[in-house]
Amino acid sequence: MAVIKLDAVGLKCPQPVLKLAQKVPEMKPGDILEVTADCSTFEKDVRAWCDRTKRTMLSAKDIGGGKKVIQVQF
């Protein structure tokens, strides 16, 4: 199991989720993708993507400055 980090700070929605989706082919079962973004709808968009793709959103943490870190398990 690996933790892969993806920085999507400065990208406007839906770009952070699109970047997340581009990582799917690299991910192995059990891997965690940790995405940092500052888009206002980022968490809502990731939740919807996880529901659609049957992935597990492990956590969403506000780290200040309008940024959030979200972990998705594959």
C-alpha atoms as a PDB file:
ATOM      1  CA  MET A   1       0.000   0.000   0.000  1.00  0.00           C
ATOM      2  CA  ALA A   2       1.342   3.398  -1.010  1.00  0.00           C
ATOM      3  CA  VAL A   3       0.270   6.947  -0.259  1.00  0.00           C
ATOM      4  CA  ILE A   4       0.456   9.079  -3.398  1.00  0.00           C
ATOM      5  CA  LYS A   5       0.211  12.862  -3.036  1.00  0.00           C
ATOM      6  CA  LEU A   6      -1.413  15.111  -5.619  1.00  0.00           C
ATOM      7  CA  ASP A   7      -1.240  18.904  -5.396  1.00  0.00           C
ATOM      8  CA  ALA A   8      -4.210  20.559  -7.096  1.00  0.00           C
ATOM      9  CA  VAL A   9      -3.933  23.914  -5.294  1.00  0.00           C
ATOM     10  CA  GLY A  10      -4.839  26.789  -7.587  1.00  0.00           C
ATOM     11  CA  LEU A  11      -6.936  24.660  -9.935  1.00  0.00           C
ATOM     12  CA  LYS A  12     -10.616  25.528 -10.233  1.00  0.00           C
ATOM     13  CA  CYS A  13     -13.290  22.864 -10.118  1.00  0.00           C
ATOM     14  CA  PRO A  14     -13.727  20.469 -11.766  1.00  0.00           C
ATOM     15  CA  GLN A  15      -9.982  20.315 -12.520  1.00  0.00           C
ATOM     16  CA  PRO A  16      -8.927  18.821  -9.131  1.00  0.00           C
ATOM     17  CA  VAL A  17     -11.311  15.885  -9.614  1.00  0.00           C
ATOM     18  CA  LEU A  18     -10.177  15.458 -13.214  1.00  0.00           C
ATOM     19  CA  LYS A  19      -6.550  15.294 -11.994  1.00  0.00           C
ATOM     20  CA  LEU A  20      -7.631  12.715  -9.405  1.00  0.00           C
ATOM     21  CA  ALA A  21      -9.318  10.648 -12.119  1.00  0.00           C
ATOM     22  CA  GLN A  22      -6.156  10.745 -14.251  1.00  0.00           C
ATOM     23  CA  LYS A  23      -4.264   9.006 -11.424  1.00  0.00           C
ATOM     24  CA  VAL A  24      -6.593   5.973 -11.396  1.00  0.00           C
ATOM     25  CA  PRO A  25      -4.506   3.834 -13.799  1.00  0.00           C
ATOM     26  CA  GLU A  26      -1.454   4.232 -11.532  1.00  0.00           C
ATOM     27  CA  MET A  27      -3.251   3.219  -8.345  1.00  0.00           C
ATOM     28  CA  LYS A  28      -3.204  -0.313  -6.948  1.00  0.00           C
ATOM     29  CA  PRO A  29      -5.806  -1.836  -4.617  1.00  0.00           C
ATOM     30  CA  GLY A  30      -5.280  -0.454  -1.122  1.00  0.00           C
ATOM     31  CA  ASP A  31      -3.319   2.599  -2.287  1.00  0.00           C
ATOM     32  CA  ILE A  32      -4.340   5.990  -0.924  1.00  0.00           C
ATOM     33  CA  LEU A  33      -4.403   9.121  -3.046  1.00  0.00           C
ATOM     34  CA  GLU A  34      -4.020  12.266  -0.957  1.00  0.00           C
ATOM     35  CA  VAL A  35      -5.215  15.328  -2.856  1.00  0.00           C
ATOM     36  CA  THR A  36      -4.709  18.918  -1.703  1.00  0.00           C
ATOM     37  CA  ALA A  37      -6.866  21.620  -3.287  1.00  0.00           C
ATOM     38  CA  ASP A  38      -8.390  24.994  -2.546  1.00  0.00           C
ATOM     39  CA  CYS A  39     -11.440  24.943  -4.820  1.00  0.00           C
ATOM     40  CA  SER A  40     -14.654  25.782  -2.950  1.00  0.00           C
ATOM     41  CA  THR A  41     -16.559  22.701  -4.213  1.00  0.00           C
ATOM     42  CA  PHE A  42     -13.628  20.291  -4.000  1.00  0.00           C
ATOM     43  CA  GLU A  43     -14.944  18.112  -1.151  1.00  0.00           C
ATOM     44  CA  LYS A  44     -18.452  17.883  -2.620  1.00  0.00           C
ATOM     45  CA  ASP A  45     -17.024  16.974  -6.030  1.00  0.00           C
ATOM     46  CA  VAL A  46     -14.735  14.272  -4.604  1.00  0.00           C
ATOM     47  CA  ARG A  47     -17.622  12.766  -2.613  1.00  0.00           C
ATOM     48  CA  ALA A  48     -19.726  12.585  -5.792  1.00  0.00           C
ATOM     49  CA  TRP A  49     -16.822  11.067  -7.750  1.00  0.00           C
ATOM     50  CA  CYS A  50     -16.254   8.445  -5.037  1.00  0.00           C
ATOM     51  CA  ASP A  51     -19.961   7.528  -5.051  1.00  0.00           C
ATOM     52  CA  ARG A  52     -19.924   7.177  -8.844  1.00  0.00           C
ATOM     53  CA  THR A  53     -16.710   5.151  -9.023  1.00  0.00           C
ATOM     54  CA  LYS A  54     -17.210   3.064  -5.856  1.00  0.00           C
ATOM     55  CA  ARG A  55     -14.055   4.428  -4.199  1.00  0.00           C
ATOM     56  CA  THR A  56     -13.747   5.159  -0.487  1.00  0.00           C
ATOM     57  CA  MET A  57     -13.174   8.696   0.722  1.00  0.00           C
ATOM     58  CA  LEU A  58     -11.238   8.186   3.947  1.00  0.00           C
ATOM     59  CA  SER A  59     -10.949  11.744   5.201  1.00  0.00           C
ATOM     60  CA  ALA A  60     -11.319  15.428   4.446  1.00  0.00           C
ATOM     61  CA  LYS A  61      -9.248  17.817   6.506  1.00  0.00           C
ATOM     62  CA  ASP A  62      -9.222  21.614   6.417  1.00  0.00           C
ATOM     63  CA  ILE A  63      -5.590  22.735   6.601  1.00  0.00           C
ATOM     64  CA  GLY A  64      -6.233  26.478   6.529  1.00  0.00           C
ATOM     65  CA  GLY A  65      -5.994  29.121   3.880  1.00  0.00           C
ATOM     66  CA  GLY A  66      -9.021  27.644   2.119  1.00  0.00           C
ATOM     67  CA  LYS A  67      -7.107  24.397   1.455  1.00  0.00           C
ATOM     68  CA  LYS A  68      -8.336  20.879   2.112  1.00  0.00           C
ATOM     69  CA  VAL A  69      -6.596  17.539   2.027  1.00  0.00           C
ATOM     70  CA  ILE A  70      -8.761  14.599   0.996  1.00  0.00           C
ATOM     71  CA  GLN A  71      -7.705  10.952   1.087  1.00  0.00           C
ATOM     72  CA  VAL A  72      -9.263   8.443  -1.301  1.00  0.00           C
ATOM     73  CA  GLN A  73      -8.570   4.724  -1.007  1.00  0.00           C
ATOM     74  CA  PHE A  74      -8.437   2.514  -4.068  1.00  0.00           C
END
